[in-house]
Protein backbone atom coordinates (compact mmCIF):
# COMPACT_ATOMS: atom_id res chain seq x y z
CA MET A 1 108.90 78.13 17.20
CA ALA A 2 110.14 77.28 13.73
CA ASP A 3 112.24 80.42 13.19
CA ASP A 4 114.04 78.64 10.36
CA LEU A 5 110.79 78.25 8.46
CA THR A 6 108.95 81.04 6.72
CA SER A 7 105.76 79.43 5.45
CA GLU A 8 102.51 80.25 7.25
CA PRO A 9 99.74 77.68 7.88
CA VAL A 10 96.79 78.28 5.57
CA LEU A 11 94.28 75.75 6.88
CA ILE A 12 93.12 75.19 10.44
CA ALA A 13 91.78 71.66 10.79
CA ASP A 14 89.62 70.28 13.57
CA GLU A 15 92.12 69.87 16.40
CA ASN A 16 90.28 66.87 17.81
CA LEU A 17 90.78 65.05 14.52
CA VAL A 18 94.38 66.16 14.17
CA THR A 19 95.13 64.66 17.58
CA PHE A 20 93.51 61.33 16.67
CA GLY A 21 90.48 62.06 18.85
CA ASP A 22 88.05 60.20 16.59
CA GLY A 23 87.77 56.60 17.74
CA GLY A 24 90.32 57.11 20.44
CA VAL A 25 90.56 54.70 23.35
CA GLU A 26 90.66 55.98 26.91
CA GLY A 27 94.04 55.34 28.48
CA ARG A 28 95.78 54.79 25.12
CA PRO A 29 96.62 58.27 23.78
CA ALA A 30 98.26 58.47 20.37
CA GLY A 31 101.92 59.43 20.52
CA VAL A 32 102.78 57.41 23.64
CA PRO A 33 104.69 54.12 23.06
CA SER A 34 102.72 52.23 25.71
CA SER A 35 99.54 52.79 23.67
CA TYR A 36 100.83 50.55 20.87
CA ALA A 37 101.53 46.84 20.52
CA GLU A 38 105.05 45.80 19.64
CA GLY A 39 105.02 44.76 15.99
CA LYS A 40 107.44 42.55 14.10
CA SER A 41 109.20 45.25 12.11
CA PRO A 42 112.59 46.06 13.65
CA ARG A 43 112.47 49.45 11.94
CA TRP A 44 108.92 50.59 12.56
CA THR A 45 108.80 49.83 16.26
CA ARG A 46 106.08 51.15 18.53
CA GLU A 47 108.51 53.81 19.74
CA VAL A 48 109.04 55.03 16.15
CA ILE A 49 105.31 54.99 15.38
CA ALA A 50 104.54 56.82 18.63
CA ASP A 51 107.23 59.41 17.89
CA ILE A 52 105.82 60.12 14.45
CA HIS A 53 102.29 60.41 15.82
CA ALA A 54 103.47 62.73 18.60
CA LYS A 55 105.34 65.04 16.23
CA SER A 56 102.39 64.98 13.81
CA GLN A 57 100.26 66.43 16.59
CA LEU A 58 102.78 68.84 18.10
CA GLY A 59 104.43 70.23 14.97
CA ARG A 60 107.78 70.33 16.75
CA TYR A 61 110.40 68.01 18.14
CA GLN A 62 109.77 66.33 21.45
CA LEU A 63 111.35 67.33 24.75
CA ARG A 64 112.13 65.23 27.77
CA GLY A 65 114.46 64.95 30.72
CA PHE A 66 116.60 62.30 32.46
CA SER A 67 119.08 60.64 30.08
CA THR A 68 119.57 59.08 26.68
CA PHE A 69 117.48 56.13 25.48
CA GLN A 70 120.15 55.26 22.92
CA LYS A 71 120.70 51.49 23.10
CA ASN A 72 123.81 51.18 20.94
CA LEU A 73 126.32 52.60 23.40
CA PRO A 74 129.54 51.05 24.65
CA SER A 75 129.35 50.56 28.38
CA PHE A 76 131.66 50.26 31.36
CA ASP A 77 130.13 46.79 31.68
CA GLU A 78 132.29 45.77 28.70
CA LEU A 79 135.41 46.16 30.83
CA VAL A 80 136.53 43.90 33.69
CA PHE A 81 139.32 44.24 36.24
CA GLN A 82 142.23 41.82 36.43
CA PRO A 83 143.00 41.57 40.16
CA ALA A 84 146.37 40.60 41.57
CA THR A 85 147.23 36.90 41.61
CA MET A 86 150.84 35.71 41.04
CA THR A 87 152.41 38.77 39.40
CA ARG A 88 151.09 41.21 42.01
CA LEU A 89 149.99 41.16 45.63
CA PRO A 90 146.47 42.24 46.62
CA LEU A 91 145.91 44.40 49.69
CA GLU A 92 144.10 43.07 52.74
CA GLY A 93 140.57 44.35 52.52
CA TYR A 94 140.01 45.00 56.24
CA ARG A 95 143.52 45.78 57.45
CA GLU A 96 145.23 47.84 54.75
CA ARG A 97 144.14 51.27 53.66
CA CYS A 98 143.38 52.50 50.19
CA GLU A 99 143.73 56.25 49.75
CA THR A 100 140.74 58.07 48.29
CA ARG A 101 141.71 61.69 48.92
CA THR A 102 141.41 63.71 45.73
CA VAL A 103 142.90 67.14 45.04
CA LEU A 104 141.73 69.27 42.12
CA GLY A 105 143.41 72.47 41.00
CA ASP A 106 146.86 71.95 42.48
CA GLY A 107 148.70 71.03 39.28
CA LEU A 108 149.55 74.45 37.85
CA GLY A 109 150.44 75.94 41.21
CA LEU A 110 148.42 79.07 40.46
CA VAL A 111 145.81 78.95 43.24
CA GLU A 112 146.10 79.24 46.97
CA ASN A 113 143.31 76.81 47.88
CA PRO A 114 142.94 73.79 45.59
CA VAL A 115 139.80 71.71 46.10
CA GLU A 116 140.47 68.86 48.51
CA LEU A 117 137.91 66.04 48.58
CA ASP A 118 137.88 62.97 50.79
CA ILE A 119 136.60 60.81 47.94
CA PRO A 120 137.08 60.80 44.14
CA ILE A 121 133.40 61.54 43.48
CA TYR A 122 131.40 64.76 43.60
CA ILE A 123 127.87 65.87 42.75
CA ALA A 124 127.26 67.32 39.28
CA SER A 125 126.08 70.75 38.28
CA MET A 126 122.30 70.65 38.56
CA SER A 127 120.59 74.02 38.85
CA PHE A 128 118.00 75.33 41.24
CA GLY A 129 115.13 75.37 38.80
CA ALA A 130 115.88 71.96 37.42
CA LEU A 131 115.89 70.70 41.02
CA SER A 132 113.90 71.85 44.01
CA ALA A 133 115.49 73.84 46.83
CA ASN A 134 115.07 70.88 49.18
CA ALA A 135 116.82 68.59 46.72
CA LYS A 136 119.71 71.05 46.38
CA ALA A 137 120.01 71.35 50.15
CA ALA A 138 119.93 67.57 50.61
CA LEU A 139 122.64 67.06 47.99
CA GLY A 140 124.81 69.65 49.73
CA ARG A 141 124.32 68.14 53.17
CA GLY A 142 124.93 64.59 51.93
CA ALA A 143 128.06 65.66 50.04
CA LYS A 144 129.35 67.46 53.12
CA LYS A 145 128.91 64.33 55.24
CA ALA A 146 130.86 62.35 52.65
CA GLY A 147 133.62 64.95 52.44
CA THR A 148 132.95 66.02 48.89
CA MET A 149 131.26 68.87 47.00
CA THR A 150 128.38 69.86 44.78
CA CYS A 151 128.04 72.41 41.99
CA THR A 152 125.49 75.22 41.75
CA GLY A 153 124.52 74.59 38.15
CA GLU A 154 123.59 77.49 35.93
CA GLY A 155 120.81 79.06 37.98
CA GLY A 156 122.97 80.89 40.51
CA MET A 157 123.83 80.09 44.11
CA LEU A 158 121.17 79.31 46.71
CA GLU A 159 121.95 80.53 50.21
CA GLU A 160 120.79 77.19 51.60
CA GLU A 161 123.13 75.23 49.36
CA ARG A 162 126.06 77.47 50.34
CA ALA A 163 125.16 76.84 54.00
CA GLU A 164 124.90 73.07 53.51
CA ASN A 165 128.09 72.58 51.50
CA ARG A 166 131.59 72.31 52.85
CA THR A 167 132.93 72.76 49.32
CA LEU A 168 130.87 74.42 46.59
CA LEU A 169 131.66 74.80 42.89
CA TYR A 170 130.08 77.91 41.32
CA GLN A 171 129.08 77.60 37.68
CA LEU A 172 129.24 80.39 35.10
CA SER A 173 126.92 79.56 32.22
CA PRO A 174 126.65 81.23 28.81
CA ALA A 175 123.32 82.74 29.90
CA ARG A 176 125.01 84.61 32.80
CA TYR A 177 122.11 83.77 35.10
CA MET A 178 122.64 85.43 38.49
CA ILE A 179 126.33 86.10 38.01
CA ASP A 180 127.22 87.64 41.36
CA LEU A 181 130.79 88.63 42.25
CA ASP A 182 130.10 88.12 45.95
CA HIS A 183 128.85 84.60 45.27
CA ILE A 184 131.90 83.84 43.10
CA ARG A 185 134.19 84.93 45.92
CA ARG A 186 132.28 82.79 48.43
CA ALA A 187 132.72 79.68 46.26
CA ASP A 188 135.51 77.14 46.62
CA ALA A 189 135.98 76.79 42.87
CA VAL A 190 134.56 78.32 39.70
CA GLU A 191 133.39 76.45 36.60
CA ILE A 192 132.99 77.83 33.10
CA VAL A 193 130.53 75.59 31.28
CA VAL A 194 130.80 75.49 27.50
CA GLY A 195 128.59 72.46 27.02
CA GLN A 196 127.07 69.36 28.57
CA GLY A 197 126.92 65.75 27.53
CA ALA A 198 123.15 65.52 27.26
CA LYS A 199 122.87 68.25 24.62
CA PRO A 200 126.25 69.51 23.39
CA GLY A 201 126.17 72.48 21.08
CA THR A 202 123.06 73.94 22.68
CA GLY A 203 122.27 75.86 25.84
CA GLY A 204 120.29 74.94 28.94
CA LEU A 205 116.52 74.56 28.83
CA LEU A 206 114.07 75.14 31.66
CA LEU A 207 110.40 74.87 30.78
CA GLY A 208 107.95 77.46 32.06
CA MET A 209 106.20 75.18 34.55
CA LYS A 210 109.43 75.11 36.58
CA VAL A 211 110.09 78.85 36.38
CA SER A 212 108.65 79.78 39.75
CA GLU A 213 108.67 83.28 41.22
CA ARG A 214 111.95 82.55 43.02
CA VAL A 215 113.61 80.96 39.99
CA ALA A 216 112.49 83.86 37.78
CA ARG A 217 113.81 86.42 40.28
CA MET A 218 117.20 84.71 40.49
CA ARG A 219 117.52 84.54 36.71
CA ASN A 220 115.98 87.96 36.07
CA LEU A 221 113.51 86.50 33.61
CA PRO A 222 109.68 86.34 33.38
CA GLN A 223 107.89 83.83 35.61
CA GLY A 224 106.25 80.87 33.90
CA VAL A 225 108.00 81.35 30.56
CA ASP A 226 110.34 78.79 28.97
CA GLN A 227 113.99 79.73 29.43
CA ARG A 228 116.54 78.77 26.80
CA SER A 229 120.14 79.57 27.57
CA THR A 230 122.48 80.75 24.87
CA SER A 231 124.64 78.11 23.27
CA ARG A 232 127.89 80.07 23.51
CA HIS A 233 129.42 82.52 25.94
CA PRO A 234 129.19 86.20 25.09
CA ASP A 235 132.55 86.77 26.80
CA PHE A 236 134.71 84.68 24.51
CA LEU A 237 134.66 83.21 21.04
CA GLY A 238 137.74 81.03 21.18
CA ALA A 239 140.68 79.81 23.21
CA ASP A 240 142.52 83.15 23.29
CA ASP A 241 139.46 84.92 24.72
CA MET A 242 138.87 82.12 27.21
CA THR A 243 142.42 82.50 28.48
CA ILE A 244 141.64 86.14 29.26
CA LYS A 245 138.36 85.14 30.95
CA ILE A 246 140.12 82.61 33.15
CA GLU A 247 142.68 85.23 34.15
CA GLU A 248 139.83 87.62 35.01
CA LEU A 249 138.31 84.96 37.28
CA ARG A 250 141.67 84.40 38.95
CA GLU A 251 141.90 88.11 39.69
CA ALA A 252 138.27 88.25 40.87
CA THR A 253 138.94 85.43 43.32
CA ASP A 254 142.37 86.76 44.29
CA HIS A 255 143.98 83.59 42.90
CA LYS A 256 142.50 81.57 45.75
CA VAL A 257 140.31 78.98 43.97
CA PRO A 258 140.73 76.76 40.90
CA VAL A 259 138.95 77.31 37.60
CA PHE A 260 137.14 74.38 35.97
CA VAL A 261 136.05 74.15 32.32
CA LYS A 262 133.15 71.79 31.66
CA MET A 263 132.34 70.53 28.16
CA GLY A 264 130.19 67.96 26.47
CA ALA A 265 132.17 65.12 24.89
CA THR A 266 132.15 65.71 21.15
CA ARG A 267 135.79 65.91 20.03
CA PRO A 268 137.30 65.06 23.41
CA TYR A 269 140.93 64.84 22.22
CA TYR A 270 141.07 68.24 20.52
CA ASP A 271 138.67 70.04 22.87
CA THR A 272 140.63 68.87 25.90
CA ALA A 273 143.93 69.92 24.33
CA VAL A 274 142.56 73.40 23.63
CA ALA A 275 140.99 73.74 27.09
CA ALA A 276 144.23 72.67 28.76
CA LYS A 277 146.11 75.42 26.95
CA THR A 278 143.69 78.12 28.12
CA GLY A 279 144.99 77.92 31.68
CA ALA A 280 142.14 75.96 33.28
CA ASP A 281 143.03 73.96 36.37
CA VAL A 282 140.44 71.23 35.83
CA ILE A 283 138.64 69.94 32.74
CA VAL A 284 135.29 68.19 33.07
CA VAL A 285 134.35 65.94 30.14
CA ASP A 286 130.66 65.02 30.18
CA GLY A 287 129.80 62.00 28.05
CA LEU A 288 126.75 61.32 25.91
CA GLU A 289 125.05 59.51 28.80
CA GLY A 290 124.93 62.71 30.88
CA GLY A 291 121.54 63.62 32.30
CA THR A 292 119.45 66.77 32.03
CA GLY A 293 116.30 68.38 33.35
CA ALA A 294 115.03 68.98 29.82
CA SER A 295 116.36 68.63 26.32
CA PRO A 296 115.22 68.08 22.77
CA GLU A 297 114.88 64.32 22.66
CA LEU A 298 116.83 64.00 19.42
CA LEU A 299 119.90 65.57 21.02
CA LEU A 300 119.84 63.17 23.97
CA ASP A 301 119.96 60.18 21.68
CA ASN A 302 121.97 61.39 18.70
CA THR A 303 124.78 63.72 19.77
CA GLY A 304 128.06 63.32 21.56
CA VAL A 305 130.63 60.69 22.48
CA PRO A 306 130.01 57.99 25.13
CA THR A 307 131.89 58.43 28.39
CA LEU A 308 133.80 55.17 27.92
CA ALA A 309 135.38 56.50 24.72
CA ALA A 310 135.76 60.11 25.88
CA ILE A 311 137.98 59.45 28.91
CA PRO A 312 140.94 57.83 27.10
CA ALA A 313 140.81 60.48 24.37
CA ALA A 314 140.87 63.30 26.92
CA ARG A 315 143.70 61.65 28.87
CA ARG A 316 145.70 61.20 25.67
CA ALA A 317 145.25 64.90 24.90
CA LEU A 318 146.68 65.88 28.29
CA ASP A 319 149.59 63.48 27.82
CA ASP A 320 150.36 64.75 24.33
CA THR A 321 150.28 68.40 25.38
CA GLY A 322 152.43 67.80 28.44
CA MET A 323 149.59 68.83 30.77
CA SER A 324 149.01 65.55 32.62
CA GLY A 325 149.57 66.19 36.30
CA LYS A 326 149.13 69.93 35.72
CA VAL A 327 145.49 69.90 34.61
CA LYS A 328 143.13 67.46 36.32
CA LEU A 329 140.51 65.48 34.39
CA VAL A 330 137.00 64.87 35.72
CA ALA A 331 134.81 62.30 33.95
CA ALA A 332 131.02 62.43 33.93
CA GLY A 333 128.07 60.93 32.12
CA GLY A 334 126.12 57.87 33.21
CA ILE A 335 128.32 56.89 36.17
CA ARG A 336 126.16 54.47 38.20
CA SER A 337 128.32 52.78 40.84
CA GLY A 338 131.72 52.51 42.48
CA VAL A 339 132.61 49.97 39.82
CA ASP A 340 132.07 52.61 37.13
CA VAL A 341 134.11 55.04 39.23
CA ALA A 342 137.03 52.61 39.48
CA LYS A 343 136.92 51.93 35.74
CA ALA A 344 136.80 55.66 34.94
CA LEU A 345 139.84 56.27 37.16
CA ALA A 346 141.69 53.34 35.58
CA LEU A 347 140.98 54.77 32.12
CA GLY A 348 142.57 58.08 33.07
CA ALA A 349 140.17 60.26 35.06
CA ASP A 350 141.39 61.99 38.23
CA CYS A 351 137.89 62.32 39.64
CA VAL A 352 134.29 61.45 38.74
CA MET A 353 131.12 63.53 38.79
CA ILE A 354 127.64 62.02 39.25
CA GLY A 355 124.26 63.57 38.48
CA SER A 356 121.49 61.10 37.68
CA ALA A 357 122.78 58.57 40.22
CA ALA A 358 122.70 61.28 42.91
CA MET A 359 119.12 62.17 41.96
CA ILE A 360 118.08 58.53 42.18
CA SER A 361 119.71 58.37 45.61
CA LEU A 362 117.61 61.37 46.63
CA GLY A 363 114.47 59.46 45.68
CA CYS A 364 114.03 59.87 41.91
CA ASN A 365 111.94 56.98 40.55
CA SER A 366 111.35 55.59 44.05
CA PRO A 367 108.11 53.59 44.39
CA ARG A 368 106.08 56.12 46.38
CA TYR A 369 103.20 58.46 45.49
CA VAL A 370 102.38 56.08 42.64
CA GLU A 371 99.16 57.92 41.82
CA ASP A 372 101.19 60.98 40.87
CA TYR A 373 103.36 58.91 38.54
CA THR A 374 100.17 57.63 36.93
CA ALA A 375 98.87 61.18 36.53
CA ILE A 376 101.81 62.06 34.27
CA GLY A 377 101.63 58.79 32.36
CA THR A 378 104.46 56.84 33.89
CA GLU A 379 105.40 54.68 36.86
CA PRO A 380 108.34 54.23 39.25
CA GLY A 381 111.38 52.94 37.42
CA ALA A 382 110.26 54.32 34.06
CA CYS A 383 109.92 58.02 34.88
CA HIS A 384 111.92 60.46 32.74
CA HIS A 385 109.50 63.34 33.21
CA CYS A 386 111.86 65.85 34.88
CA HIS A 387 110.86 68.41 32.23
CA THR A 388 107.20 68.46 33.27
CA GLY A 389 107.80 70.00 36.68
CA ARG A 390 105.50 67.35 38.17
CA CYS A 391 108.14 65.12 39.77
CA PRO A 392 106.11 62.85 42.06
CA VAL A 393 108.87 62.62 44.68
CA GLY A 394 109.74 66.33 44.78
CA VAL A 395 113.26 66.19 43.34
CA ALA A 396 112.83 67.85 39.93
CA THR A 397 110.03 70.32 40.57
CA GLN A 398 109.27 73.78 41.90
CA ASP A 399 105.80 72.86 43.14
CA GLU A 400 105.73 73.53 46.89
CA VAL A 401 103.61 70.49 47.79
CA LEU A 402 105.73 68.12 45.71
CA SER A 403 109.01 69.71 46.85
CA SER A 404 108.08 69.13 50.48
CA ARG A 405 108.26 65.38 49.80
CA VAL A 406 112.06 65.67 49.90
CA ASP A 407 112.90 65.41 53.60
CA VAL A 408 116.30 67.10 53.62
CA GLU A 409 117.70 65.13 56.53
CA ALA A 410 116.60 61.72 55.28
CA ALA A 411 117.49 62.41 51.64
CA SER A 412 120.92 63.75 52.58
CA GLU A 413 121.57 60.61 54.62
CA ARG A 414 120.75 58.47 51.57
CA VAL A 415 123.13 60.53 49.41
CA TYR A 416 125.85 60.17 52.05
CA ARG A 417 125.36 56.40 52.33
CA PHE A 418 125.31 56.02 48.54
CA LEU A 419 128.55 57.98 48.15
CA THR A 420 130.08 55.88 50.93
CA ALA A 421 129.00 52.67 49.23
CA MET A 422 130.38 53.84 45.87
CA THR A 423 133.72 54.68 47.47
CA MET A 424 133.87 51.29 49.22
CA GLU A 425 133.23 49.55 45.89
CA ALA A 426 136.04 51.51 44.24
CA THR A 427 138.53 50.82 47.04
CA LEU A 428 137.60 47.12 47.11
CA LEU A 429 138.53 46.82 43.45
CA ALA A 430 141.69 48.90 43.90
CA LYS A 431 142.85 46.71 46.80
CA ALA A 432 142.12 43.57 44.81
CA CYS A 433 144.39 44.99 42.11
CA GLY A 434 147.10 45.65 44.69
CA LYS A 435 146.71 49.43 44.74
CA SER A 436 147.07 51.49 47.92
CA SER A 437 145.30 54.45 46.27
CA VAL A 438 142.35 54.54 43.91
CA HIS A 439 144.41 56.98 41.87
CA ASN A 440 146.94 54.24 41.16
CA LEU A 441 144.40 52.31 39.09
CA GLU A 442 145.59 52.19 35.48
CA PRO A 443 144.61 50.80 32.06
CA GLU A 444 146.74 47.69 32.70
CA ASP A 445 144.29 46.74 35.46
CA LEU A 446 141.50 46.39 32.89
CA ARG A 447 140.63 44.03 30.08
CA ALA A 448 137.96 44.51 27.41
CA LEU A 449 135.25 41.93 26.85
CA THR A 450 134.35 43.18 23.36
CA LEU A 451 136.20 44.32 20.26
CA GLU A 452 134.32 47.59 20.38
CA ALA A 453 135.32 48.40 23.94
CA SER A 454 138.92 47.56 23.15
CA ALA A 455 138.91 49.73 20.06
CA PHE A 456 137.28 52.66 21.85
CA THR A 457 139.59 52.58 24.87
CA GLY A 458 142.83 50.95 23.81
CA ILE A 459 142.36 48.41 26.62
CA SER A 460 143.69 44.93 25.84
CA LEU A 461 141.15 42.28 24.92
CA VAL A 462 140.60 39.70 27.62
CA GLY A 463 142.48 36.53 26.74
CA ALA A 464 144.39 38.10 23.84
CA ASP A 465 146.19 40.59 26.10
CA ARG A 466 146.55 43.13 23.35
CA PRO A 467 144.22 45.91 22.18
CA PHE A 468 142.15 45.60 19.06
CA THR A 469 143.47 47.94 16.37
CA TRP A 470 142.71 48.50 12.75
């Protein structure tokens, strides 16, 4: 795998010894943090020791799924709302309405059918391959019940997800997996993905154990072989080329549906400004906390910009380029609740996209089939093993037996109820702040609890009522 290296190994050692087999203890394999005691060194923690032992055995970097383990991230929890008291009037929670309808793609006036959602939340782009067909169908059915949409992800469109969705976003990835003009024309919006928060600067990754016969057929690739998407689109190299690509998609869809551009948050101010000038209707900024089915572990924890900091930067870029109101901004990456949704909207997002939270609603990490968690070395609540293809609850797998554990009707109902609960949380906060629409939430409604959060967002510090600046 080390294409950048040219040296050849000259000595083949006993593999049992290389993998610490001599004197090993059953149930405590080398390279797994739970096999080690927690020492006193803050630098050489058991996670660091386990990582070094794992890479010493593998000879490559480690892969995993789920989300970042990075602990030094600013969080939405560092912001609090300032509800109405004397200077404003709150809305009555049970008698006065708070609008949640969200329209995407109407700003430039270039498309006949903008996306209209009943709520300001939709389900993220997660491919068939990363997720099982039952999981995709359940997400679509749950989103439809809640009046919102899902996205195909990069693996192409499943007929069952088209049937389950009221509104479906079709993703065009750099790898061009299953690009089908008929499918594009049957979608309600089209998304060009140029990156994702979990691993910006690289392409998608689907390990061979999840490349089933159906997945391989859809992607026109060998079954059972690792699939690594390209890191950049072959159709464009820069903004000028992307403008042409977006115009091609408008012609292909007869100017009926909006075009989204999704990117990982790396330089959110400048990247958003460039994307807005290419003619996109909607820009999706996916923060560092964004989830994935599989990624090099080092990228999950060491690349990108946290969502909290990315939203204000992207909003500022739209303001400075005169594109606010014309190009809509979707925020993604680690959104966990309606509280996070309300804070993201107040910071400047027009809509929010959820991935990991939707998977957890489906059943990810639920305390069932515990013996299958144990078999892959984890337990409910600690599982991040999406990359293995052995998801105990059938969400992130292509195994037929495991996949059947997702009951589409029951799982879709959970997704619907979760989306409903998130929306209620967001409207409760908006009403408390005196807002008749969740889209009227604004930075003034927030205060920062920490200097860092204030510096990252420009939100005034609680008590001081002014932002921290250098």
